[in-house]
Amino acid sequence: MLKSPGSLPPRSLWGKVPNPWQPPPGRVRSLEGQPRVMVCPRCGQPVSYVERQRRGSQVYYLAVHYLGYERGPDGRVRKRVRKCYLGPAEYIEVS
């Protein structure tokens, strides 16, 4: 499944993919008039974005939860996130 070089996303989007379980970008409203939010199937928390990780030739999806900022022991401010494993992009059947 090789893609032609012209179909690659911009470098700023590498490692991050649009949420495959959500409708196209835009403010989609549910019946109650509230924006729909993807809920993590592992922990039940709202998902900030879905990350794609490559390990060798395999691709895995992770749900990333933004938890805010914290100041580390060295004084630097860093973003706190928690990641939940969602599964592989495709399963390989072996016999």
PDB file of N, CA and C in Angstrom:
ATOM      1  N   MET A   1       0.826  -1.170   0.000  1.00  0.00           N
ATOM      2  CA  MET A   1       0.000   0.000   0.000  1.00  0.00           C
ATOM      3  C   MET A   1       0.875   1.239   0.000  1.00  0.00           C
ATOM      4  N   LEU A   2       1.628   1.460  -1.033  1.00  0.00           N
ATOM      5  CA  LEU A   2       2.493   2.621  -1.125  1.00  0.00           C
ATOM      6  C   LEU A   2       1.742   3.780  -1.740  1.00  0.00           C
ATOM      7  N   LYS A   3       2.010   4.974  -1.235  1.00  0.00           N
ATOM      8  CA  LYS A   3       1.371   6.167  -1.764  1.00  0.00           C
ATOM      9  C   LYS A   3       2.373   6.925  -2.609  1.00  0.00           C
ATOM     10  N   SER A   4       1.871   7.625  -3.574  1.00  0.00           N
ATOM     11  CA  SER A   4       2.769   8.440  -4.383  1.00  0.00           C
ATOM     12  C   SER A   4       3.230   9.637  -3.569  1.00  0.00           C
ATOM     13  N   PRO A   5       4.437  10.181  -3.826  1.00  0.00           N
ATOM     14  CA  PRO A   5       4.961  11.279  -3.023  1.00  0.00           C
ATOM     15  C   PRO A   5       4.050  12.503  -2.995  1.00  0.00           C
ATOM     16  N   GLY A   6       3.250  12.716  -4.028  1.00  0.00           N
ATOM     17  CA  GLY A   6       2.369  13.874  -4.053  1.00  0.00           C
ATOM     18  C   GLY A   6       1.189  13.754  -3.106  1.00  0.00           C
ATOM     19  N   SER A   7       0.892  12.541  -2.592  1.00  0.00           N
ATOM     20  CA  SER A   7      -0.271  12.358  -1.734  1.00  0.00           C
ATOM     21  C   SER A   7       0.078  12.387  -0.245  1.00  0.00           C
ATOM     22  N   LEU A   8       1.319  12.656   0.115  1.00  0.00           N
ATOM     23  CA  LEU A   8       1.705  12.707   1.519  1.00  0.00           C
ATOM     24  C   LEU A   8       1.163  13.977   2.169  1.00  0.00           C
ATOM     25  N   PRO A   9       0.747  13.897   3.453  1.00  0.00           N
ATOM     26  CA  PRO A   9       0.276  15.099   4.140  1.00  0.00           C
ATOM     27  C   PRO A   9       1.454  16.011   4.471  1.00  0.00           C
ATOM     28  N   PRO A  10       1.181  17.278   4.800  1.00  0.00           N
ATOM     29  CA  PRO A  10       2.286  18.159   5.167  1.00  0.00           C
ATOM     30  C   PRO A  10       3.031  17.621   6.382  1.00  0.00           C
ATOM     31  N   ARG A  11       4.294  17.945   6.498  1.00  0.00           N
ATOM     32  CA  ARG A  11       5.147  17.420   7.570  1.00  0.00           C
ATOM     33  C   ARG A  11       4.586  17.755   8.951  1.00  0.00           C
ATOM     34  N   SER A  12       3.898  18.898   9.099  1.00  0.00           N
ATOM     35  CA  SER A  12       3.344  19.287  10.397  1.00  0.00           C
ATOM     36  C   SER A  12       2.266  18.312  10.870  1.00  0.00           C
ATOM     37  N   LEU A  13       1.687  17.528   9.957  1.00  0.00           N
ATOM     38  CA  LEU A  13       0.645  16.578  10.328  1.00  0.00           C
ATOM     39  C   LEU A  13       1.151  15.153  10.478  1.00  0.00           C
ATOM     40  N   TRP A  14       2.438  14.902  10.245  1.00  0.00           N
ATOM     41  CA  TRP A  14       2.971  13.552  10.387  1.00  0.00           C
ATOM     42  C   TRP A  14       2.812  13.096  11.821  1.00  0.00           C
ATOM     43  N   GLY A  15       2.385  11.870  12.027  1.00  0.00           N
ATOM     44  CA  GLY A  15       2.199  11.313  13.361  1.00  0.00           C
ATOM     45  C   GLY A  15       0.829  11.624  13.927  1.00  0.00           C
ATOM     46  N   LYS A  16       0.113  12.613  13.365  1.00  0.00           N
ATOM     47  CA  LYS A  16      -1.229  12.928  13.814  1.00  0.00           C
ATOM     48  C   LYS A  16      -2.163  12.747  12.629  1.00  0.00           C
ATOM     49  N   VAL A  17      -3.254  12.061  12.864  1.00  0.00           N
ATOM     50  CA  VAL A  17      -4.215  11.840  11.799  1.00  0.00           C
ATOM     51  C   VAL A  17      -5.579  12.305  12.273  1.00  0.00           C
ATOM     52  N   PRO A  18      -6.442  12.684  11.354  1.00  0.00           N
ATOM     53  CA  PRO A  18      -7.806  13.016  11.772  1.00  0.00           C
ATOM     54  C   PRO A  18      -8.454  11.805  12.416  1.00  0.00           C
ATOM     55  N   ASN A  19      -9.333  12.048  13.336  1.00  0.00           N
ATOM     56  CA  ASN A  19     -10.014  10.997  14.062  1.00  0.00           C
ATOM     57  C   ASN A  19     -10.810  10.138  13.077  1.00  0.00           C
ATOM     58  N   PRO A  20     -10.483   8.841  12.905  1.00  0.00           N
ATOM     59  CA  PRO A  20     -11.186   8.017  11.928  1.00  0.00           C
ATOM     60  C   PRO A  20     -12.618   7.691  12.332  1.00  0.00           C
ATOM     61  N   TRP A  21     -13.001   7.921  13.585  1.00  0.00           N
ATOM     62  CA  TRP A  21     -14.338   7.593  14.060  1.00  0.00           C
ATOM     63  C   TRP A  21     -15.230   8.822  14.167  1.00  0.00           C
ATOM     64  N   GLN A  22     -14.807   9.929  13.628  1.00  0.00           N
ATOM     65  CA  GLN A  22     -15.545  11.173  13.761  1.00  0.00           C
ATOM     66  C   GLN A  22     -15.891  11.706  12.370  1.00  0.00           C
ATOM     67  N   PRO A  23     -16.994  12.447  12.232  1.00  0.00           N
ATOM     68  CA  PRO A  23     -17.316  13.011  10.928  1.00  0.00           C
ATOM     69  C   PRO A  23     -16.268  14.027  10.486  1.00  0.00           C
ATOM     70  N   PRO A  24     -16.296  14.474   9.233  1.00  0.00           N
ATOM     71  CA  PRO A  24     -15.308  15.429   8.748  1.00  0.00           C
ATOM     72  C   PRO A  24     -15.231  16.673   9.633  1.00  0.00           C
ATOM     73  N   PRO A  25     -14.084  17.404   9.590  1.00  0.00           N
ATOM     74  CA  PRO A  25     -13.906  18.556  10.466  1.00  0.00           C
ATOM     75  C   PRO A  25     -15.025  19.572  10.301  1.00  0.00           C
ATOM     76  N   GLY A  26     -15.265  20.304  11.355  1.00  0.00           N
ATOM     77  CA  GLY A  26     -16.326  21.303  11.371  1.00  0.00           C
ATOM     78  C   GLY A  26     -17.117  21.152  12.655  1.00  0.00           C
ATOM     79  N   ARG A  27     -17.885  22.127  12.967  1.00  0.00           N
ATOM     80  CA  ARG A  27     -18.679  22.090  14.189  1.00  0.00           C
ATOM     81  C   ARG A  27     -19.946  21.288  13.936  1.00  0.00           C
ATOM     82  N   VAL A  28     -19.899  19.996  14.207  1.00  0.00           N
ATOM     83  CA  VAL A  28     -21.062  19.140  14.035  1.00  0.00           C
ATOM     84  C   VAL A  28     -21.834  19.164  15.340  1.00  0.00           C
ATOM     85  N   ARG A  29     -23.098  19.443  15.253  1.00  0.00           N
ATOM     86  CA  ARG A  29     -23.933  19.536  16.452  1.00  0.00           C
ATOM     87  C   ARG A  29     -24.810  18.296  16.572  1.00  0.00           C
ATOM     88  N   SER A  30     -24.967  17.828  17.798  1.00  0.00           N
ATOM     89  CA  SER A  30     -25.832  16.687  18.039  1.00  0.00           C
ATOM     90  C   SER A  30     -27.269  17.181  18.188  1.00  0.00           C
ATOM     91  N   LEU A  31     -28.178  16.289  18.507  1.00  0.00           N
ATOM     92  CA  LEU A  31     -29.584  16.655  18.620  1.00  0.00           C
ATOM     93  C   LEU A  31     -29.828  17.687  19.714  1.00  0.00           C
ATOM     94  N   GLU A  32     -29.045  17.666  20.760  1.00  0.00           N
ATOM     95  CA  GLU A  32     -29.227  18.603  21.863  1.00  0.00           C
ATOM     96  C   GLU A  32     -28.607  19.962  21.565  1.00  0.00           C
ATOM     97  N   GLY A  33     -27.931  20.132  20.414  1.00  0.00           N
ATOM     98  CA  GLY A  33     -27.309  21.406  20.081  1.00  0.00           C
ATOM     99  C   GLY A  33     -25.887  21.539  20.601  1.00  0.00           C
ATOM    100  N   GLN A  34     -25.356  20.509  21.236  1.00  0.00           N
ATOM    101  CA  GLN A  34     -24.000  20.548  21.779  1.00  0.00           C
ATOM    102  C   GLN A  34     -23.041  19.925  20.768  1.00  0.00           C
ATOM    103  N   PRO A  35     -21.775  20.406  20.719  1.00  0.00           N
ATOM    104  CA  PRO A  35     -20.806  19.770  19.811  1.00  0.00           C
ATOM    105  C   PRO A  35     -20.567  18.317  20.233  1.00  0.00           C
ATOM    106  N   ARG A  36     -20.453  17.425  19.242  1.00  0.00           N
ATOM    107  CA  ARG A  36     -20.169  16.026  19.543  1.00  0.00           C
ATOM    108  C   ARG A  36     -18.699  15.866  19.879  1.00  0.00           C
ATOM    109  N   VAL A  37     -18.413  15.061  20.886  1.00  0.00           N
ATOM    110  CA  VAL A  37     -17.039  14.803  21.313  1.00  0.00           C
ATOM    111  C   VAL A  37     -16.828  13.300  21.296  1.00  0.00           C
ATOM    112  N   MET A  38     -15.683  12.869  20.749  1.00  0.00           N
ATOM    113  CA  MET A  38     -15.379  11.446  20.757  1.00  0.00           C
ATOM    114  C   MET A  38     -14.996  11.036  22.174  1.00  0.00           C
ATOM    115  N   VAL A  39     -15.552   9.941  22.629  1.00  0.00           N
ATOM    116  CA  VAL A  39     -15.262   9.417  23.956  1.00  0.00           C
ATOM    117  C   VAL A  39     -14.364   8.200  23.789  1.00  0.00           C
ATOM    118  N   CYS A  40     -13.323   8.130  24.599  1.00  0.00           N
ATOM    119  CA  CYS A  40     -12.361   7.035  24.523  1.00  0.00           C
ATOM    120  C   CYS A  40     -13.034   5.723  24.921  1.00  0.00           C
ATOM    121  N   PRO A  41     -12.923   4.666  24.089  1.00  0.00           N
ATOM    122  CA  PRO A  41     -13.532   3.386  24.448  1.00  0.00           C
ATOM    123  C   PRO A  41     -12.805   2.691  25.597  1.00  0.00           C
ATOM    124  N   ARG A  42     -11.578   3.104  25.895  1.00  0.00           N
ATOM    125  CA  ARG A  42     -10.809   2.476  26.986  1.00  0.00           C
ATOM    126  C   ARG A  42     -11.150   3.061  28.351  1.00  0.00           C
ATOM    127  N   CYS A  43     -11.123   4.421  28.444  1.00  0.00           N
ATOM    128  CA  CYS A  43     -11.275   5.053  29.761  1.00  0.00           C
ATOM    129  C   CYS A  43     -12.523   5.916  29.893  1.00  0.00           C
ATOM    130  N   GLY A  44     -13.228   6.186  28.789  1.00  0.00           N
ATOM    131  CA  GLY A  44     -14.449   6.971  28.861  1.00  0.00           C
ATOM    132  C   GLY A  44     -14.249   8.471  28.897  1.00  0.00           C
ATOM    133  N   GLN A  45     -13.011   8.951  28.808  1.00  0.00           N
ATOM    134  CA  GLN A  45     -12.723  10.386  28.831  1.00  0.00           C
ATOM    135  C   GLN A  45     -12.790  10.957  27.415  1.00  0.00           C
ATOM    136  N   PRO A  46     -13.022  12.279  27.279  1.00  0.00           N
ATOM    137  CA  PRO A  46     -13.022  12.887  25.945  1.00  0.00           C
ATOM    138  C   PRO A  46     -11.643  12.778  25.292  1.00  0.00           C
ATOM    139  N   VAL A  47     -11.619  12.596  23.973  1.00  0.00           N
ATOM    140  CA  VAL A  47     -10.370  12.456  23.222  1.00  0.00           C
ATOM    141  C   VAL A  47     -10.015  13.799  22.610  1.00  0.00           C
ATOM    142  N   SER A  48      -8.779  14.272  22.853  1.00  0.00           N
ATOM    143  CA  SER A  48      -8.319  15.525  22.257  1.00  0.00           C
ATOM    144  C   SER A  48      -8.007  15.330  20.783  1.00  0.00           C
ATOM    145  N   TYR A  49      -7.256  14.281  20.463  1.00  0.00           N
ATOM    146  CA  TYR A  49      -6.973  13.927  19.078  1.00  0.00           C
ATOM    147  C   TYR A  49      -6.495  12.488  19.030  1.00  0.00           C
ATOM    148  N   VAL A  50      -6.450  11.926  17.839  1.00  0.00           N
ATOM    149  CA  VAL A  50      -5.993  10.546  17.642  1.00  0.00           C
ATOM    150  C   VAL A  50      -4.618  10.605  16.999  1.00  0.00           C
ATOM    151  N   GLU A  51      -3.681   9.860  17.573  1.00  0.00           N
ATOM    152  CA  GLU A  51      -2.299   9.856  17.088  1.00  0.00           C
ATOM    153  C   GLU A  51      -2.021   8.516  16.413  1.00  0.00           C
ATOM    154  N   ARG A  52      -1.232   8.567  15.356  1.00  0.00           N
ATOM    155  CA  ARG A  52      -0.826   7.352  14.649  1.00  0.00           C
ATOM    156  C   ARG A  52       0.655   7.126  14.906  1.00  0.00           C
ATOM    157  N   GLN A  53       1.019   5.937  15.367  1.00  0.00           N
ATOM    158  CA  GLN A  53       2.425   5.608  15.604  1.00  0.00           C
ATOM    159  C   GLN A  53       2.822   4.453  14.701  1.00  0.00           C
ATOM    160  N   ARG A  54       4.033   4.556  14.165  1.00  0.00           N
ATOM    161  CA  ARG A  54       4.583   3.478  13.344  1.00  0.00           C
ATOM    162  C   ARG A  54       5.620   2.722  14.161  1.00  0.00           C
ATOM    163  N   ARG A  55       5.507   1.422  14.168  1.00  0.00           N
ATOM    164  CA  ARG A  55       6.497   0.532  14.783  1.00  0.00           C
ATOM    165  C   ARG A  55       6.885  -0.475  13.714  1.00  0.00           C
ATOM    166  N   GLY A  56       8.013  -0.201  13.067  1.00  0.00           N
ATOM    167  CA  GLY A  56       8.408  -1.041  11.945  1.00  0.00           C
ATOM    168  C   GLY A  56       7.453  -0.811  10.791  1.00  0.00           C
ATOM    169  N   SER A  57       6.833  -1.874  10.307  1.00  0.00           N
ATOM    170  CA  SER A  57       5.882  -1.727   9.205  1.00  0.00           C
ATOM    171  C   SER A  57       4.443  -1.638   9.701  1.00  0.00           C
ATOM    172  N   GLN A  58       4.223  -1.765  11.007  1.00  0.00           N
ATOM    173  CA  GLN A  58       2.881  -1.695  11.573  1.00  0.00           C
ATOM    174  C   GLN A  58       2.508  -0.265  11.928  1.00  0.00           C
ATOM    175  N   VAL A  59       1.224   0.045  11.888  1.00  0.00           N
ATOM    176  CA  VAL A  59       0.693   1.354  12.280  1.00  0.00           C
ATOM    177  C   VAL A  59      -0.325   1.118  13.390  1.00  0.00           C
ATOM    178  N   TYR A  60      -0.201   1.870  14.486  1.00  0.00           N
ATOM    179  CA  TYR A  60      -1.098   1.745  15.625  1.00  0.00           C
ATOM    180  C   TYR A  60      -1.741   3.089  15.922  1.00  0.00           C
ATOM    181  N   TYR A  61      -2.991   3.073  16.416  1.00  0.00           N
ATOM    182  CA  TYR A  61      -3.701   4.292  16.770  1.00  0.00           C
ATOM    183  C   TYR A  61      -3.767   4.440  18.287  1.00  0.00           C
ATOM    184  N   LEU A  62      -3.583   5.683  18.747  1.00  0.00           N
ATOM    185  CA  LEU A  62      -3.658   6.019  20.160  1.00  0.00           C
ATOM    186  C   LEU A  62      -4.595   7.197  20.342  1.00  0.00           C
ATOM    187  N   ALA A  63      -5.443   7.147  21.370  1.00  0.00           N
ATOM    188  CA  ALA A  63      -6.280   8.284  21.729  1.00  0.00           C
ATOM    189  C   ALA A  63      -5.479   9.131  22.711  1.00  0.00           C
ATOM    190  N   VAL A  64      -5.352  10.430  22.444  1.00  0.00           N
ATOM    191  CA  VAL A  64      -4.561  11.318  23.290  1.00  0.00           C
ATOM    192  C   VAL A  64      -5.513  12.218  24.078  1.00  0.00           C
ATOM    193  N   HIS A  65      -5.314  12.246  25.402  1.00  0.00           N
ATOM    194  CA  HIS A  65      -6.121  13.075  26.295  1.00  0.00           C
ATOM    195  C   HIS A  65      -5.251  14.217  26.805  1.00  0.00           C
ATOM    196  N   TYR A  66      -5.667  15.443  26.548  1.00  0.00           N
ATOM    197  CA  TYR A  66      -4.934  16.622  27.020  1.00  0.00           C
ATOM    198  C   TYR A  66      -5.316  16.870  28.472  1.00  0.00           C
ATOM    199  N   LEU A  67      -4.326  16.941  29.357  1.00  0.00           N
ATOM    200  CA  LEU A  67      -4.570  17.095  30.794  1.00  0.00           C
ATOM    201  C   LEU A  67      -4.143  18.450  31.328  1.00  0.00           C
ATOM    202  N   GLY A  68      -3.614  19.325  30.500  1.00  0.00           N
ATOM    203  CA  GLY A  68      -3.188  20.647  30.965  1.00  0.00           C
ATOM    204  C   GLY A  68      -1.671  20.771  30.942  1.00  0.00           C
ATOM    205  N   TYR A  69      -1.194  21.801  31.639  1.00  0.00           N
ATOM    206  CA  TYR A  69       0.240  22.059  31.709  1.00  0.00           C
ATOM    207  C   TYR A  69       0.731  21.860  33.134  1.00  0.00           C
ATOM    208  N   GLU A  70       2.005  21.526  33.278  1.00  0.00           N
ATOM    209  CA  GLU A  70       2.628  21.423  34.607  1.00  0.00           C
ATOM    210  C   GLU A  70       4.061  21.905  34.511  1.00  0.00           C
ATOM    211  N   ARG A  71       4.582  22.384  35.615  1.00  0.00           N
ATOM    212  CA  ARG A  71       5.963  22.832  35.675  1.00  0.00           C
ATOM    213  C   ARG A  71       6.805  21.691  36.235  1.00  0.00           C
ATOM    214  N   GLY A  72       7.812  21.291  35.486  1.00  0.00           N
ATOM    215  CA  GLY A  72       8.676  20.192  35.885  1.00  0.00           C
ATOM    216  C   GLY A  72       9.684  20.621  36.948  1.00  0.00           C
ATOM    217  N   PRO A  73      10.458  19.669  37.450  1.00  0.00           N
ATOM    218  CA  PRO A  73      11.444  19.973  38.483  1.00  0.00           C
ATOM    219  C   PRO A  73      12.537  20.928  37.995  1.00  0.00           C
ATOM    220  N   ASP A  74      12.760  20.976  36.691  1.00  0.00           N
ATOM    221  CA  ASP A  74      13.784  21.871  36.149  1.00  0.00           C
ATOM    222  C   ASP A  74      13.216  23.262  35.859  1.00  0.00           C
ATOM    223  N   GLY A  75      11.928  23.491  36.140  1.00  0.00           N
ATOM    224  CA  GLY A  75      11.320  24.797  35.931  1.00  0.00           C
ATOM    225  C   GLY A  75      10.659  24.973  34.583  1.00  0.00           C
ATOM    226  N   ARG A  76      10.804  24.012  33.694  1.00  0.00           N
ATOM    227  CA  ARG A  76      10.195  24.123  32.366  1.00  0.00           C
ATOM    228  C   ARG A  76       8.713  23.767  32.431  1.00  0.00           C
ATOM    229  N   VAL A  77       7.923  24.449  31.625  1.00  0.00           N
ATOM    230  CA  VAL A  77       6.505  24.148  31.528  1.00  0.00           C
ATOM    231  C   VAL A  77       6.312  23.160  30.387  1.00  0.00           C
ATOM    232  N   ARG A  78       5.589  22.082  30.662  1.00  0.00           N
ATOM    233  CA  ARG A  78       5.355  21.078  29.630  1.00  0.00           C
ATOM    234  C   ARG A  78       3.895  20.641  29.643  1.00  0.00           C
ATOM    235  N   LYS A  79       3.429  20.215  28.468  1.00  0.00           N
ATOM    236  CA  LYS A  79       2.056  19.763  28.314  1.00  0.00           C
ATOM    237  C   LYS A  79       1.909  18.369  28.901  1.00  0.00           C
ATOM    238  N   ARG A  80       0.823  18.151  29.630  1.00  0.00           N
ATOM    239  CA  ARG A  80       0.532  16.821  30.167  1.00  0.00           C
ATOM    240  C   ARG A  80      -0.512  16.159  29.291  1.00  0.00           C
ATOM    241  N   VAL A  81      -0.196  14.970  28.799  1.00  0.00           N
ATOM    242  CA  VAL A  81      -1.141  14.189  28.011  1.00  0.00           C
ATOM    243  C   VAL A  81      -1.121  12.751  28.505  1.00  0.00           C
ATOM    244  N   ARG A  82      -2.222  12.069  28.282  1.00  0.00           N
ATOM    245  CA  ARG A  82      -2.297  10.637  28.573  1.00  0.00           C
ATOM    246  C   ARG A  82      -2.744   9.958  27.287  1.00  0.00           C
ATOM    247  N   LYS A  83      -2.180   8.805  26.974  1.00  0.00           N
ATOM    248  CA  LYS A  83      -2.487   8.103  25.735  1.00  0.00           C
ATOM    249  C   LYS A  83      -3.087   6.741  26.050  1.00  0.00           C
ATOM    250  N   CYS A  84      -4.155   6.422  25.319  1.00  0.00           N
ATOM    251  CA  CYS A  84      -4.796   5.115  25.432  1.00  0.00           C
ATOM    252  C   CYS A  84      -4.657   4.398  24.097  1.00  0.00           C
ATOM    253  N   TYR A  85      -4.256   3.149  24.141  1.00  0.00           N
ATOM    254  CA  TYR A  85      -4.075   2.350  22.931  1.00  0.00           C
ATOM    255  C   TYR A  85      -5.440   1.973  22.364  1.00  0.00           C
ATOM    256  N   LEU A  86      -5.649   2.241  21.059  1.00  0.00           N
ATOM    257  CA  LEU A  86      -6.913   1.901  20.408  1.00  0.00           C
ATOM    258  C   LEU A  86      -6.807   0.644  19.565  1.00  0.00           C
ATOM    259  N   GLY A  87      -5.635   0.384  18.978  1.00  0.00           N
ATOM    260  CA  GLY A  87      -5.481  -0.833  18.186  1.00  0.00           C
ATOM    261  C   GLY A  87      -4.690  -0.581  16.924  1.00  0.00           C
ATOM    262  N   PRO A  88      -4.423  -1.642  16.166  1.00  0.00           N
ATOM    263  CA  PRO A  88      -3.656  -1.498  14.931  1.00  0.00           C
ATOM    264  C   PRO A  88      -4.531  -0.950  13.808  1.00  0.00           C
ATOM    265  N   ALA A  89      -3.880  -0.388  12.793  1.00  0.00           N
ATOM    266  CA  ALA A  89      -4.607   0.113  11.626  1.00  0.00           C
ATOM    267  C   ALA A  89      -5.212  -1.040  10.850  1.00  0.00           C
ATOM    268  N   GLU A  90      -4.478  -2.140  10.738  1.00  0.00           N
ATOM    269  CA  GLU A  90      -5.009  -3.329  10.077  1.00  0.00           C
ATOM    270  C   GLU A  90      -4.450  -4.562  10.760  1.00  0.00           C
ATOM    271  N   TYR A  91      -5.255  -5.580  10.823  1.00  0.00           N
ATOM    272  CA  TYR A  91      -4.844  -6.822  11.438  1.00  0.00           C
ATOM    273  C   TYR A  91      -4.208  -7.727  10.399  1.00  0.00           C
ATOM    274  N   ILE A  92      -3.168  -8.448  10.822  1.00  0.00           N
ATOM    275  CA  ILE A  92      -2.492  -9.411   9.961  1.00  0.00           C
ATOM    276  C   ILE A  92      -2.870 -10.802  10.449  1.00  0.00           C
ATOM    277  N   GLU A  93      -3.525 -11.550   9.570  1.00  0.00           N
ATOM    278  CA  GLU A  93      -3.921 -12.903   9.945  1.00  0.00           C
ATOM    279  C   GLU A  93      -2.786 -13.864   9.609  1.00  0.00           C
ATOM    280  N   VAL A  94      -2.457 -14.684  10.587  1.00  0.00           N
ATOM    281  CA  VAL A  94      -1.420 -15.697  10.380  1.00  0.00           C
ATOM    282  C   VAL A  94      -2.024 -17.068  10.669  1.00  0.00           C
ATOM    283  N   SER A  95      -1.434 -18.084  10.067  1.00  0.00           N
ATOM    284  CA  SER A  95      -1.973 -19.425  10.301  1.00  0.00           C
ATOM    285  C   SER A  95      -0.935 -20.295  10.966  1.00  0.00           C
TER     286      SER A  95
END
